């Protein structure tokens, strides 16, 4: 028996202290970890945007999985992968902030949200960010 569901989320979270901890090597490890975690949990990735100090996801999460569980899994598995693959050149451990932001949106907005997330570097460089999609907590 299969279920029909259409559920679109934008997720965002930052590195601990909003430090620019994500260089090219870390990004590669993070993306591998996320690909595995998303597939194992039947979460559909639409887009992932990575900045040196934060990440954005556009995903569809099956209703049987709590959003908080998906975030905890993605954050935990990815920080573990970065810390244990040996890409960290500094003595400090890679970590995420405990907070995250999540917004739901309709299917008609999906192409626009995907384009925004896929073009994170350009939006930040040109200062054309969407404040609503950049919020992690009420005060950031």
Protein backbone atom coordinates (compact mmCIF):
# COMPACT_ATOMS: atom_id res chain seq x y z
CA UNK A 1 0.00 0.00 0.00
CA UNK A 2 1.45 3.39 -0.95
CA UNK A 3 0.57 6.85 0.28
CA UNK A 4 0.22 10.05 -1.67
CA UNK A 5 1.80 13.11 -0.06
CA UNK A 6 3.08 16.52 -1.18
CA UNK A 7 5.02 18.22 1.60
CA UNK A 8 7.67 20.86 0.86
CA UNK A 9 10.07 22.25 3.43
CA UNK A 10 12.88 24.77 3.47
CA UNK A 11 15.41 23.99 6.23
CA UNK A 12 18.32 26.15 7.32
CA UNK A 13 20.94 25.84 10.04
CA UNK A 14 24.36 27.28 10.77
CA UNK A 15 27.74 26.16 11.98
CA UNK A 16 28.49 26.56 15.66
CA UNK A 17 29.19 30.22 16.38
CA UNK A 18 28.38 30.94 12.74
CA UNK A 19 32.06 30.25 12.04
CA UNK A 20 33.04 29.74 8.35
CA UNK A 21 33.89 26.06 8.86
CA UNK A 22 32.68 24.72 5.51
CA UNK A 23 35.43 24.75 2.91
CA UNK A 24 35.49 22.64 -0.26
CA UNK A 25 36.72 19.49 1.51
CA UNK A 26 34.07 19.73 4.24
CA UNK A 27 31.34 20.43 1.70
CA UNK A 28 32.16 17.24 -0.20
CA UNK A 29 31.98 15.17 2.98
CA UNK A 30 28.77 16.88 4.07
CA UNK A 31 27.07 16.28 0.73
CA UNK A 32 28.02 12.57 0.74
CA UNK A 33 26.68 12.18 4.28
CA UNK A 34 23.44 14.00 3.46
CA UNK A 35 22.89 11.97 0.29
CA UNK A 36 23.10 8.74 2.30
CA UNK A 37 20.95 9.99 5.18
CA UNK A 38 18.26 11.38 2.90
CA UNK A 39 18.05 8.19 0.85
CA UNK A 40 17.95 5.92 3.92
CA UNK A 41 15.00 7.91 5.29
CA UNK A 42 13.11 8.36 2.02
CA UNK A 43 13.46 12.14 2.23
CA UNK A 44 13.35 13.68 -1.25
CA UNK A 45 16.03 16.34 -1.77
CA UNK A 46 15.08 19.09 -4.20
CA UNK A 47 18.07 21.39 -3.55
CA UNK A 48 20.93 21.87 -1.11
CA UNK A 49 22.78 25.17 -0.79
CA UNK A 50 26.01 25.34 1.14
CA UNK A 51 27.69 28.49 2.43
CA UNK A 52 30.84 28.64 4.58
CA UNK A 53 28.73 29.18 7.72
CA UNK A 54 25.27 27.75 6.99
CA UNK A 55 23.27 25.38 4.81
CA UNK A 56 19.86 25.37 3.14
CA UNK A 57 17.77 22.35 2.17
CA UNK A 58 14.65 22.10 0.06
CA UNK A 59 13.17 18.70 0.83
CA UNK A 60 10.01 16.66 0.93
CA UNK A 61 9.78 14.67 4.15
CA UNK A 62 7.47 11.67 4.40
CA UNK A 63 4.72 12.37 6.95
CA UNK A 64 5.80 9.33 9.00
CA UNK A 65 9.03 11.16 9.97
CA UNK A 66 9.10 14.18 12.28
CA UNK A 67 10.91 17.20 10.87
CA UNK A 68 12.97 17.49 14.06
CA UNK A 69 14.16 13.90 13.57
CA UNK A 70 15.23 14.62 9.99
CA UNK A 71 17.18 17.70 11.07
CA UNK A 72 18.81 15.86 13.98
CA UNK A 73 19.81 13.02 11.68
CA UNK A 74 21.24 15.28 8.96
CA UNK A 75 23.15 17.44 11.43
CA UNK A 76 24.45 14.56 13.53
CA UNK A 77 25.55 12.28 10.71
CA UNK A 78 27.19 15.10 8.76
CA UNK A 79 29.16 16.57 11.67
CA UNK A 80 30.30 13.08 12.62
CA UNK A 81 31.43 12.45 9.03
CA UNK A 82 33.42 15.70 8.84
CA UNK A 83 35.07 15.09 12.21
CA UNK A 84 36.02 11.49 11.39
CA UNK A 85 37.05 11.65 7.74
CA UNK A 86 40.10 13.74 8.54
CA UNK A 87 39.26 16.87 6.56
CA UNK A 88 39.50 19.12 9.59
CA UNK A 89 42.80 20.98 9.37
CA UNK A 90 42.18 22.94 12.58
CA UNK A 91 42.25 21.49 16.06
CA UNK A 92 38.59 22.38 16.70
CA UNK A 93 35.78 19.97 16.02
CA UNK A 94 33.18 20.70 13.37
CA UNK A 95 29.75 21.35 14.90
CA UNK A 96 26.36 22.81 14.07
CA UNK A 97 24.35 25.27 16.15
CA UNK A 98 21.51 23.61 18.00
CA UNK A 99 18.87 25.84 16.38
CA UNK A 100 17.41 25.53 12.91
CA UNK A 101 14.75 27.18 10.82
CA UNK A 102 11.97 25.44 8.91
CA UNK A 103 9.28 26.77 6.62
CA UNK A 104 6.62 24.96 4.66
CA UNK A 105 5.62 26.19 1.23
CA UNK A 106 3.32 25.19 -1.60
CA UNK A 107 4.21 23.28 -4.73
CA UNK A 108 3.81 26.39 -6.90
CA UNK A 109 6.70 28.02 -5.00
CA UNK A 110 8.99 25.00 -5.38
CA UNK A 111 10.88 26.22 -8.49
CA UNK A 112 11.55 29.65 -6.92
CA UNK A 113 12.74 28.21 -3.61
CA UNK A 114 14.97 25.68 -5.40
CA UNK A 115 16.50 28.46 -7.53
CA UNK A 116 17.14 30.57 -4.42
CA UNK A 117 18.85 27.73 -2.58
CA UNK A 118 20.92 26.64 -5.58
CA UNK A 119 22.18 30.22 -6.03
CA UNK A 120 23.10 30.96 -2.42
CA UNK A 121 26.57 32.33 -3.14
CA UNK A 122 25.25 34.78 -5.73
CA UNK A 123 22.44 35.97 -3.45
CA UNK A 124 24.81 36.57 -0.56
CA UNK A 125 27.39 38.31 -2.78
CA UNK A 126 24.76 40.59 -4.34
CA UNK A 127 22.89 41.09 -1.04
CA UNK A 128 19.67 39.79 -2.60
CA UNK A 129 18.87 37.33 0.15
CA UNK A 130 15.30 36.47 1.13
CA UNK A 131 15.24 37.27 4.85
CA UNK A 132 12.41 34.79 5.48
CA UNK A 133 14.51 31.91 4.11
CA UNK A 134 17.62 32.98 6.03
CA UNK A 135 16.06 32.90 9.51
CA UNK A 136 17.21 30.27 11.94
CA UNK A 137 15.69 31.72 15.10
CA UNK A 138 13.42 34.65 15.91
CA UNK A 139 16.47 36.86 16.50
CA UNK A 140 18.63 35.90 13.47
